[in-house]
Amino acid sequence: MVPDVSTEIPDAATRAAIVALAARIESEDGAPPLSDDALTQLSAPDVAHAVALDDGHVVGYAQRRENAAELAAEPDAVAALLDVVWQSGLLVWSHGRRSRLAPVFAERGLAPVRELFQLRRDLSALPPDPPLPEGVVVRAFRPGVQDELAWLEVNAAAFAEHAEQGRRTLAELHALMAEPWFDPGDFLLAERGHELLGYHWTKVHSAELGEVYVLGIKPSAQGLGLGKALLVRGLVHLAGRGCTEVLLYVDGDNTSARRLYERSGFREYDRDVQWQRAPGSPVERKDDVS
């Protein structure tokens, strides 16, 4: 049976049902089907929403932002959601090797075009803090205009070639800061004088698991050893918060970052895949509607 699909912005009850569906899929597939970004945008008016309903129950959700989409759905709802959010050149994520979406995407003629590796390491036997460059101090993020705008500037420069991270807006930063997990004490800034040179934003997932959420260095500060210094300080911070294991995500083609993390004891744990339509696929024969 093909589910009904609504393109209205989800109301509070529907958002709760989407979050519950995503949590159940994570428990079954081993990875969250929706990213933090997608979850913070469930009521956003500037992204495309599609909610699949079967007898009034939410059985799937898709969100398209610009040219990329994420789905949390039962297999029978995937095709209907793709038809609604599809546009030419769309990129769509499957999260984790056991994702129920991957075989459906392949059957629909989509092909992998990007891999995002999840790496992990335990937080025992951490090395001592590497020395900081002369004049550099590390402190916690302070919510407010000064740190927020400085971070946005450095983040945009550090991730200028990164499709998602480098385009962060103030509204998106505020949405992340409003999440229950956000703690400014977990957000480490490295500065010299009043100039922000880099940052390590960590995240605590649970009593045991932490994350290198984002690590960024201003291009003019590259080569100072600041990346390793901030990485280790963030790991020590997470260990001090009680975490025994830490994860991070890194693009498969970012060999320099992967080398840094692997030298720091990280090993591959899982991977996400971004898919795109292959020429002649069944999706291609449908009308492309933006």
C-alpha atoms as a PDB file:
ATOM      1  CA  MET A   1       0.000   0.000   0.000  1.00  0.00           C
ATOM      2  CA  VAL A   2       1.336   3.429  -0.996  1.00  0.00           C
ATOM      3  CA  PRO A   3       1.202   5.817   1.987  1.00  0.00           C
ATOM      4  CA  ASP A   4      -0.273   9.290   1.825  1.00  0.00           C
ATOM      5  CA  VAL A   5       2.353  12.022   1.842  1.00  0.00           C
ATOM      6  CA  SER A   6       1.887  15.485   3.342  1.00  0.00           C
ATOM      7  CA  THR A   7       4.211  18.385   2.477  1.00  0.00           C
ATOM      8  CA  GLU A   8       2.999  20.628   5.302  1.00  0.00           C
ATOM      9  CA  ILE A   9       5.425  21.772   7.982  1.00  0.00           C
ATOM     10  CA  PRO A  10       5.056  19.138  10.711  1.00  0.00           C
ATOM     11  CA  ASP A  11       3.099  20.224  13.774  1.00  0.00           C
ATOM     12  CA  ALA A  12       4.212  19.406  17.319  1.00  0.00           C
ATOM     13  CA  ALA A  13       2.503  16.001  17.414  1.00  0.00           C
ATOM     14  CA  THR A  14       3.904  15.030  14.026  1.00  0.00           C
ATOM     15  CA  ARG A  15       7.399  16.159  15.024  1.00  0.00           C
ATOM     16  CA  ALA A  16       7.184  13.978  18.126  1.00  0.00           C
ATOM     17  CA  ALA A  17       6.120  11.024  15.952  1.00  0.00           C
ATOM     18  CA  ILE A  18       9.048  11.652  13.566  1.00  0.00           C
ATOM     19  CA  VAL A  19      11.519  11.737  16.453  1.00  0.00           C
ATOM     20  CA  ALA A  20      10.027   8.514  17.851  1.00  0.00           C
ATOM     21  CA  LEU A  21      10.235   6.828  14.427  1.00  0.00           C
ATOM     22  CA  ALA A  22      13.864   7.937  14.039  1.00  0.00           C
ATOM     23  CA  ALA A  23      14.719   6.577  17.498  1.00  0.00           C
ATOM     24  CA  ARG A  24      13.147   3.215  16.697  1.00  0.00           C
ATOM     25  CA  ILE A  25      14.997   2.991  13.376  1.00  0.00           C
ATOM     26  CA  GLU A  26      18.264   3.834  15.144  1.00  0.00           C
ATOM     27  CA  SER A  27      17.701   0.995  17.623  1.00  0.00           C
ATOM     28  CA  GLU A  28      17.016  -1.440  14.785  1.00  0.00           C
ATOM     29  CA  ASP A  29      19.592  -0.292  12.204  1.00  0.00           C
ATOM     30  CA  GLY A  30      22.376   0.794  14.540  1.00  0.00           C
ATOM     31  CA  ALA A  31      22.645   4.416  13.380  1.00  0.00           C
ATOM     32  CA  PRO A  32      20.392   7.491  13.555  1.00  0.00           C
ATOM     33  CA  PRO A  33      18.598   7.995  10.227  1.00  0.00           C
ATOM     34  CA  LEU A  34      18.436  11.777  10.678  1.00  0.00           C
ATOM     35  CA  SER A  35      21.361  14.045  11.497  1.00  0.00           C
ATOM     36  CA  ASP A  36      21.351  16.652  14.260  1.00  0.00           C
ATOM     37  CA  ASP A  37      20.868  19.296  11.577  1.00  0.00           C
ATOM     38  CA  ALA A  38      17.764  17.616  10.190  1.00  0.00           C
ATOM     39  CA  LEU A  39      16.257  17.204  13.651  1.00  0.00           C
ATOM     40  CA  THR A  40      16.723  20.898  14.426  1.00  0.00           C
ATOM     41  CA  GLN A  41      14.919  21.789  11.173  1.00  0.00           C
ATOM     42  CA  LEU A  42      11.719  19.759  11.655  1.00  0.00           C
ATOM     43  CA  SER A  43       9.635  22.935  11.861  1.00  0.00           C
ATOM     44  CA  ALA A  44      11.779  25.142   9.596  1.00  0.00           C
ATOM     45  CA  PRO A  45       9.873  26.945   6.822  1.00  0.00           C
ATOM     46  CA  ASP A  46      12.867  27.133   4.463  1.00  0.00           C
ATOM     47  CA  VAL A  47      13.358  23.387   3.930  1.00  0.00           C
ATOM     48  CA  ALA A  48      11.080  20.948   2.104  1.00  0.00           C
ATOM     49  CA  HIS A  49       9.199  18.478   4.307  1.00  0.00           C
ATOM     50  CA  ALA A  50       7.435  15.253   3.362  1.00  0.00           C
ATOM     51  CA  VAL A  51       5.596  13.115   5.922  1.00  0.00           C
ATOM     52  CA  ALA A  52       4.360   9.640   4.926  1.00  0.00           C
ATOM     53  CA  LEU A  53       1.186   8.546   6.696  1.00  0.00           C
ATOM     54  CA  ASP A  54      -0.430   5.114   6.836  1.00  0.00           C
ATOM     55  CA  ASP A  55      -3.866   5.174   8.441  1.00  0.00           C
ATOM     56  CA  GLY A  56      -2.889   8.381  10.214  1.00  0.00           C
ATOM     57  CA  HIS A  57       0.386   6.993  11.590  1.00  0.00           C
ATOM     58  CA  VAL A  58       3.746   8.463  10.610  1.00  0.00           C
ATOM     59  CA  VAL A  59       5.699   5.794   8.714  1.00  0.00           C
ATOM     60  CA  GLY A  60       8.265   8.051   7.078  1.00  0.00           C
ATOM     61  CA  TYR A  61       9.725  11.515   6.885  1.00  0.00           C
ATOM     62  CA  ALA A  62      11.975  13.218   4.340  1.00  0.00           C
ATOM     63  CA  GLN A  63      13.614  16.612   4.518  1.00  0.00           C
ATOM     64  CA  ARG A  64      15.280  18.384   1.599  1.00  0.00           C
ATOM     65  CA  ARG A  65      17.554  21.330   2.179  1.00  0.00           C
ATOM     66  CA  GLU A  66      18.894  22.898  -0.980  1.00  0.00           C
ATOM     67  CA  ASN A  67      20.070  19.871  -2.960  1.00  0.00           C
ATOM     68  CA  ALA A  68      20.466  17.269  -0.198  1.00  0.00           C
ATOM     69  CA  ALA A  69      17.884  15.120   1.567  1.00  0.00           C
ATOM     70  CA  GLU A  70      17.623  12.811   4.565  1.00  0.00           C
ATOM     71  CA  LEU A  71      14.945  10.208   5.264  1.00  0.00           C
ATOM     72  CA  ALA A  72      13.681   8.269   8.251  1.00  0.00           C
ATOM     73  CA  ALA A  73      11.235   5.765   6.858  1.00  0.00           C
ATOM     74  CA  GLU A  74       9.924   2.260   6.702  1.00  0.00           C
ATOM     75  CA  PRO A  75      11.058   0.626   3.423  1.00  0.00           C
ATOM     76  CA  ASP A  76       7.548   0.744   1.912  1.00  0.00           C
ATOM     77  CA  ALA A  77       7.445   4.536   2.357  1.00  0.00           C
ATOM     78  CA  VAL A  78      10.818   5.383   0.810  1.00  0.00           C
ATOM     79  CA  ALA A  79       9.716   5.492  -2.825  1.00  0.00           C
ATOM     80  CA  ALA A  80       6.744   7.766  -2.127  1.00  0.00           C
ATOM     81  CA  LEU A  81       8.922  10.159  -0.119  1.00  0.00           C
ATOM     82  CA  LEU A  82      11.600  10.239  -2.821  1.00  0.00           C
ATOM     83  CA  ASP A  83       8.998  11.042  -5.462  1.00  0.00           C
ATOM     84  CA  VAL A  84       7.834  14.045  -3.444  1.00  0.00           C
ATOM     85  CA  VAL A  85      11.213  15.581  -2.554  1.00  0.00           C
ATOM     86  CA  TRP A  86      12.982  14.646  -5.778  1.00  0.00           C
ATOM     87  CA  GLN A  87      14.712  17.249  -7.903  1.00  0.00           C
ATOM     88  CA  SER A  88      17.412  17.042 -10.525  1.00  0.00           C
ATOM     89  CA  GLY A  89      20.795  16.189  -9.060  1.00  0.00           C
ATOM     90  CA  LEU A  90      19.446  15.438  -5.592  1.00  0.00           C
ATOM     91  CA  LEU A  91      21.870  13.955  -3.059  1.00  0.00           C
ATOM     92  CA  VAL A  92      20.344  11.691  -0.419  1.00  0.00           C
ATOM     93  CA  TRP A  93      21.924  10.129   2.678  1.00  0.00           C
ATOM     94  CA  SER A  94      21.864   6.648   4.148  1.00  0.00           C
ATOM     95  CA  HIS A  95      23.352   6.494   7.633  1.00  0.00           C
ATOM     96  CA  GLY A  96      25.295   3.417   8.757  1.00  0.00           C
ATOM     97  CA  ARG A  97      26.211   0.191   6.988  1.00  0.00           C
ATOM     98  CA  ARG A  98      22.963  -1.454   8.108  1.00  0.00           C
ATOM     99  CA  SER A  99      20.714   1.342   6.867  1.00  0.00           C
ATOM    100  CA  ARG A 100      17.414   0.050   5.510  1.00  0.00           C
ATOM    101  CA  LEU A 101      17.548   2.815   2.913  1.00  0.00           C
ATOM    102  CA  ALA A 102      20.668   1.644   1.075  1.00  0.00           C
ATOM    103  CA  PRO A 103      19.119  -1.370  -0.722  1.00  0.00           C
ATOM    104  CA  VAL A 104      16.039   0.683  -1.657  1.00  0.00           C
ATOM    105  CA  PHE A 105      18.209   3.450  -3.097  1.00  0.00           C
ATOM    106  CA  ALA A 106      20.186   0.915  -5.106  1.00  0.00           C
ATOM    107  CA  GLU A 107      16.988  -0.653  -6.453  1.00  0.00           C
ATOM    108  CA  ARG A 108      15.814   2.817  -7.476  1.00  0.00           C
ATOM    109  CA  GLY A 109      18.971   3.348  -9.543  1.00  0.00           C
ATOM    110  CA  LEU A 110      20.869   5.599  -7.156  1.00  0.00           C
ATOM    111  CA  ALA A 111      24.630   5.154  -6.790  1.00  0.00           C
ATOM    112  CA  PRO A 112      27.059   6.070  -3.964  1.00  0.00           C
ATOM    113  CA  VAL A 113      28.948   9.316  -4.634  1.00  0.00           C
ATOM    114  CA  ARG A 114      30.341  10.225  -1.196  1.00  0.00           C
ATOM    115  CA  GLU A 115      31.307   8.392   1.988  1.00  0.00           C
ATOM    116  CA  LEU A 116      31.393   9.837   5.496  1.00  0.00           C
ATOM    117  CA  PHE A 117      33.436   7.695   7.879  1.00  0.00           C
ATOM    118  CA  GLN A 118      32.567   7.366  11.554  1.00  0.00           C
ATOM    119  CA  LEU A 119      35.743   6.807  13.549  1.00  0.00           C
ATOM    120  CA  ARG A 120      35.971   5.897  17.242  1.00  0.00           C
ATOM    121  CA  ARG A 121      38.546   5.444  19.975  1.00  0.00           C
ATOM    122  CA  ASP A 122      38.425   4.809  23.686  1.00  0.00           C
ATOM    123  CA  LEU A 123      39.408   7.587  26.044  1.00  0.00           C
ATOM    124  CA  SER A 124      41.957   5.664  28.078  1.00  0.00           C
ATOM    125  CA  ALA A 125      45.690   6.380  27.852  1.00  0.00           C
ATOM    126  CA  LEU A 126      45.294   9.866  26.387  1.00  0.00           C
ATOM    127  CA  PRO A 127      48.520  11.677  25.514  1.00  0.00           C
ATOM    128  CA  PRO A 128      49.538  14.821  27.396  1.00  0.00           C
ATOM    129  CA  ASP A 129      48.259  18.120  26.032  1.00  0.00           C
ATOM    130  CA  PRO A 130      50.480  19.234  23.126  1.00  0.00           C
ATOM    131  CA  PRO A 131      51.926  22.727  23.560  1.00  0.00           C
ATOM    132  CA  LEU A 132      49.906  25.612  22.201  1.00  0.00           C
ATOM    133  CA  PRO A 133      51.415  28.117  19.776  1.00  0.00           C
ATOM    134  CA  GLU A 134      52.891  31.169  21.458  1.00  0.00           C
ATOM    135  CA  GLY A 135      50.267  33.567  22.759  1.00  0.00           C
ATOM    136  CA  VAL A 136      47.348  31.168  22.155  1.00  0.00           C
ATOM    137  CA  VAL A 137      44.906  30.392  24.962  1.00  0.00           C
ATOM    138  CA  VAL A 138      41.976  27.958  25.003  1.00  0.00           C
ATOM    139  CA  ARG A 139      38.731  28.892  26.713  1.00  0.00           C
ATOM    140  CA  ALA A 140      35.060  27.926  26.667  1.00  0.00           C
ATOM    141  CA  PHE A 141      32.594  29.473  24.230  1.00  0.00           C
ATOM    142  CA  ARG A 142      30.521  32.327  25.642  1.00  0.00           C
ATOM    143  CA  PRO A 143      27.028  32.629  24.134  1.00  0.00           C
ATOM    144  CA  GLY A 144      26.565  36.108  22.722  1.00  0.00           C
ATOM    145  CA  VAL A 145      27.173  38.117  19.580  1.00  0.00           C
ATOM    146  CA  GLN A 146      30.961  38.334  19.856  1.00  0.00           C
ATOM    147  CA  ASP A 147      31.759  34.619  20.040  1.00  0.00           C
ATOM    148  CA  GLU A 148      28.886  33.607  17.777  1.00  0.00           C
ATOM    149  CA  LEU A 149      29.891  35.887  14.893  1.00  0.00           C
ATOM    150  CA  ALA A 150      33.593  35.115  15.333  1.00  0.00           C
ATOM    151  CA  TRP A 151      32.835  31.393  15.198  1.00  0.00           C
ATOM    152  CA  LEU A 152      30.687  31.739  12.086  1.00  0.00           C
ATOM    153  CA  GLU A 153      33.510  33.583  10.322  1.00  0.00           C
ATOM    154  CA  VAL A 154      36.194  31.037  11.219  1.00  0.00           C
ATOM    155  CA  ASN A 155      33.885  28.102  10.508  1.00  0.00           C
ATOM    156  CA  ALA A 156      33.043  29.451   7.039  1.00  0.00           C
ATOM    157  CA  ALA A 157      36.732  29.909   6.242  1.00  0.00           C
ATOM    158  CA  ALA A 158      37.816  26.547   7.661  1.00  0.00           C
ATOM    159  CA  PHE A 159      35.100  24.665   5.759  1.00  0.00           C
ATOM    160  CA  ALA A 160      34.895  26.808   2.623  1.00  0.00           C
ATOM    161  CA  GLU A 161      34.769  23.684   0.439  1.00  0.00           C
ATOM    162  CA  HIS A 162      32.409  21.740   2.700  1.00  0.00           C
ATOM    163  CA  ALA A 163      28.853  21.729   1.368  1.00  0.00           C
ATOM    164  CA  GLU A 164      27.081  21.617   4.734  1.00  0.00           C
ATOM    165  CA  GLN A 165      29.384  22.792   7.510  1.00  0.00           C
ATOM    166  CA  GLY A 166      30.812  25.836   5.751  1.00  0.00           C
ATOM    167  CA  ARG A 167      27.394  27.404   5.185  1.00  0.00           C
ATOM    168  CA  ARG A 168      26.281  27.604   8.795  1.00  0.00           C
ATOM    169  CA  THR A 169      24.057  30.588   9.556  1.00  0.00           C
ATOM    170  CA  LEU A 170      23.434  32.404  12.819  1.00  0.00           C
ATOM    171  CA  ALA A 171      19.913  30.951  12.916  1.00  0.00           C
ATOM    172  CA  GLU A 172      21.307  27.423  12.541  1.00  0.00           C
ATOM    173  CA  LEU A 173      23.871  28.046  15.271  1.00  0.00           C
ATOM    174  CA  HIS A 174      21.118  29.265  17.581  1.00  0.00           C
ATOM    175  CA  ALA A 175      19.026  26.182  16.748  1.00  0.00           C
ATOM    176  CA  LEU A 176      21.932  23.920  17.747  1.00  0.00           C
ATOM    177  CA  MET A 177      22.516  25.960  20.907  1.00  0.00           C
ATOM    178  CA  ALA A 178      18.856  25.384  21.816  1.00  0.00           C
ATOM    179  CA  GLU A 179      19.285  21.596  21.703  1.00  0.00           C
ATOM    180  CA  PRO A 180      19.195  19.809  25.090  1.00  0.00           C
ATOM    181  CA  TRP A 181      22.723  18.460  24.599  1.00  0.00           C
ATOM    182  CA  PHE A 182      24.358  21.857  24.066  1.00  0.00           C
ATOM    183  CA  ASP A 183      26.728  23.040  26.788  1.00  0.00           C
ATOM    184  CA  PRO A 184      29.004  26.043  26.150  1.00  0.00           C
ATOM    185  CA  GLY A 185      31.597  24.402  28.383  1.00  0.00           C
ATOM    186  CA  ASP A 186      31.952  21.648  25.747  1.00  0.00           C
ATOM    187  CA  PHE A 187      32.768  24.235  23.043  1.00  0.00           C
ATOM    188  CA  LEU A 188      36.486  25.075  23.174  1.00  0.00           C
ATOM    189  CA  LEU A 189      37.873  28.187  21.442  1.00  0.00           C
ATOM    190  CA  ALA A 190      41.544  28.904  20.731  1.00  0.00           C
ATOM    191  CA  GLU A 191      42.409  32.570  20.408  1.00  0.00           C
ATOM    192  CA  ARG A 192      45.391  34.863  20.312  1.00  0.00           C
ATOM    193  CA  GLY A 193      44.520  38.249  21.706  1.00  0.00           C
ATOM    194  CA  HIS A 194      41.023  38.861  20.375  1.00  0.00           C
ATOM    195  CA  GLU A 195      41.490  36.765  17.225  1.00  0.00           C
ATOM    196  CA  LEU A 196      39.774  33.389  17.054  1.00  0.00           C
ATOM    197  CA  LEU A 197      42.153  30.901  15.412  1.00  0.00           C
ATOM    198  CA  GLY A 198      40.327  27.615  15.855  1.00  0.00           C
ATOM    199  CA  TYR A 199      37.832  25.645  17.863  1.00  0.00           C
ATOM    200  CA  HIS A 200      36.897  22.165  19.013  1.00  0.00           C
ATOM    201  CA  TRP A 201      33.177  21.751  19.595  1.00  0.00           C
ATOM    202  CA  THR A 202      32.622  18.544  21.548  1.00  0.00           C
ATOM    203  CA  LYS A 203      29.322  16.839  22.295  1.00  0.00           C
ATOM    204  CA  VAL A 204      28.246  14.439  25.024  1.00  0.00           C
ATOM    205  CA  HIS A 205      25.844  11.809  23.671  1.00  0.00           C
ATOM    206  CA  SER A 206      25.466   9.727  26.804  1.00  0.00           C
ATOM    207  CA  ALA A 207      27.197   8.942  30.062  1.00  0.00           C
ATOM    208  CA  GLU A 208      29.776   6.904  28.116  1.00  0.00           C
ATOM    209  CA  LEU A 209      29.928   8.356  24.596  1.00  0.00           C
ATOM    210  CA  GLY A 210      31.261  11.722  23.456  1.00  0.00           C
ATOM    211  CA  GLU A 211      31.880  13.221  20.028  1.00  0.00           C
ATOM    212  CA  VAL A 212      34.361  15.424  18.255  1.00  0.00           C
ATOM    213  CA  TYR A 213      31.406  17.370  16.882  1.00  0.00           C
ATOM    214  CA  VAL A 214      33.388  19.867  14.792  1.00  0.00           C
ATOM    215  CA  LEU A 215      37.077  20.749  14.790  1.00  0.00           C
ATOM    216  CA  GLY A 216      38.046  23.763  12.692  1.00  0.00           C
ATOM    217  CA  ILE A 217      41.186  25.840  12.194  1.00  0.00           C
ATOM    218  CA  LYS A 218      41.358  29.256  10.538  1.00  0.00           C
ATOM    219  CA  PRO A 219      43.313  28.895   7.272  1.00  0.00           C
ATOM    220  CA  SER A 220      45.885  31.513   8.355  1.00  0.00           C
ATOM    221  CA  ALA A 221      46.558  29.432  11.500  1.00  0.00           C
ATOM    222  CA  GLN A 222      47.195  26.182   9.634  1.00  0.00           C
ATOM    223  CA  GLY A 223      50.618  24.671  10.234  1.00  0.00           C
ATOM    224  CA  LEU A 224      50.895  25.801  13.858  1.00  0.00           C
ATOM    225  CA  GLY A 225      49.976  22.414  15.316  1.00  0.00           C
ATOM    226  CA  LEU A 226      46.734  23.863  16.611  1.00  0.00           C
ATOM    227  CA  GLY A 227      44.571  21.050  15.215  1.00  0.00           C
ATOM    228  CA  LYS A 228      46.299  18.350  17.239  1.00  0.00           C
ATOM    229  CA  ALA A 229      46.470  20.580  20.325  1.00  0.00           C
ATOM    230  CA  LEU A 230      42.733  21.263  20.203  1.00  0.00           C
ATOM    231  CA  LEU A 231      41.890  17.647  19.397  1.00  0.00           C
ATOM    232  CA  VAL A 232      43.711  16.306  22.444  1.00  0.00           C
ATOM    233  CA  ARG A 233      42.311  18.999  24.737  1.00  0.00           C
ATOM    234  CA  GLY A 234      38.811  18.120  23.580  1.00  0.00           C
ATOM    235  CA  LEU A 235      39.383  14.417  24.224  1.00  0.00           C
ATOM    236  CA  VAL A 236      40.707  15.180  27.702  1.00  0.00           C
ATOM    237  CA  HIS A 237      37.645  17.370  28.290  1.00  0.00           C
ATOM    238  CA  LEU A 238      35.280  14.554  27.276  1.00  0.00           C
ATOM    239  CA  ALA A 239      37.124  12.095  29.513  1.00  0.00           C
ATOM    240  CA  GLY A 240      36.722  14.573  32.342  1.00  0.00           C
ATOM    241  CA  ARG A 241      32.978  14.609  31.649  1.00  0.00           C
ATOM    242  CA  GLY A 242      32.936  10.847  32.241  1.00  0.00           C
ATOM    243  CA  CYS A 243      32.945   9.634  28.626  1.00  0.00           C
ATOM    244  CA  THR A 244      34.854   6.415  27.975  1.00  0.00           C
ATOM    245  CA  GLU A 245      34.587   6.442  24.164  1.00  0.00           C
ATOM    246  CA  VAL A 246      34.509   9.146  21.512  1.00  0.00           C
ATOM    247  CA  LEU A 247      33.310   9.244  17.902  1.00  0.00           C
ATOM    248  CA  LEU A 248      33.797  11.623  15.013  1.00  0.00           C
ATOM    249  CA  TYR A 249      32.840  11.905  11.345  1.00  0.00           C
ATOM    250  CA  VAL A 250      35.256  12.638   8.517  1.00  0.00           C
ATOM    251  CA  ASP A 251      34.830  12.649   4.749  1.00  0.00           C
ATOM    252  CA  GLY A 252      36.325   9.625   3.042  1.00  0.00           C
ATOM    253  CA  ASP A 253      38.350  11.813   0.667  1.00  0.00           C
ATOM    254  CA  ASN A 254      39.752  14.067   3.427  1.00  0.00           C
ATOM    255  CA  THR A 255      42.993  12.126   3.707  1.00  0.00           C
ATOM    256  CA  SER A 256      44.872  14.708   5.796  1.00  0.00           C
ATOM    257  CA  ALA A 257      42.167  14.790   8.475  1.00  0.00           C
ATOM    258  CA  ARG A 258      41.877  11.002   8.480  1.00  0.00           C
ATOM    259  CA  ARG A 259      45.639  10.699   8.992  1.00  0.00           C
ATOM    260  CA  LEU A 260      45.479  13.127  11.924  1.00  0.00           C
ATOM    261  CA  TYR A 261      42.697  11.142  13.568  1.00  0.00           C
ATOM    262  CA  GLU A 262      44.239   7.741  12.872  1.00  0.00           C
ATOM    263  CA  ARG A 263      47.562   8.907  14.353  1.00  0.00           C
ATOM    264  CA  SER A 264      45.510   9.936  17.383  1.00  0.00           C
ATOM    265  CA  GLY A 265      44.158   6.422  17.892  1.00  0.00           C
ATOM    266  CA  PHE A 266      40.874   6.554  15.955  1.00  0.00           C
ATOM    267  CA  ARG A 267      39.717   3.582  13.879  1.00  0.00           C
ATOM    268  CA  GLU A 268      36.816   3.128  11.459  1.00  0.00           C
ATOM    269  CA  TYR A 269      33.569   2.110  13.160  1.00  0.00           C
ATOM    270  CA  ASP A 270      30.831   2.813  10.589  1.00  0.00           C
ATOM    271  CA  ARG A 271      30.133   4.907   7.520  1.00  0.00           C
ATOM    272  CA  ASP A 272      27.375   6.985   5.967  1.00  0.00           C
ATOM    273  CA  VAL A 273      26.833   7.174   2.211  1.00  0.00           C
ATOM    274  CA  GLN A 274      25.483   9.935   0.021  1.00  0.00           C
ATOM    275  CA  TRP A 275      23.667   8.715  -3.066  1.00  0.00           C
ATOM    276  CA  GLN A 276      22.778  10.309  -6.373  1.00  0.00           C
ATOM    277  CA  ARG A 277      20.787   9.241  -9.387  1.00  0.00           C
ATOM    278  CA  ALA A 278      22.639   7.175 -11.940  1.00  0.00           C
ATOM    279  CA  PRO A 279      21.906   7.851 -15.650  1.00  0.00           C
ATOM    280  CA  GLY A 280      18.930   5.866 -16.888  1.00  0.00           C
ATOM    281  CA  SER A 281      17.645   5.049 -13.398  1.00  0.00           C
ATOM    282  CA  PRO A 282      13.907   4.674 -12.664  1.00  0.00           C
ATOM    283  CA  VAL A 283      13.917   7.990 -10.799  1.00  0.00           C
ATOM    284  CA  GLU A 284      15.328   9.743 -13.867  1.00  0.00           C
ATOM    285  CA  ARG A 285      12.281   8.723 -15.876  1.00  0.00           C
ATOM    286  CA  LYS A 286      10.037  10.624 -13.455  1.00  0.00           C
ATOM    287  CA  ASP A 287       9.455  14.334 -13.853  1.00  0.00           C
ATOM    288  CA  ASP A 288      12.078  16.396 -12.010  1.00  0.00           C
ATOM    289  CA  VAL A 289      10.217  18.980  -9.979  1.00  0.00           C
ATOM    290  CA  SER A 290      12.075  21.508  -7.835  1.00  0.00           C
END
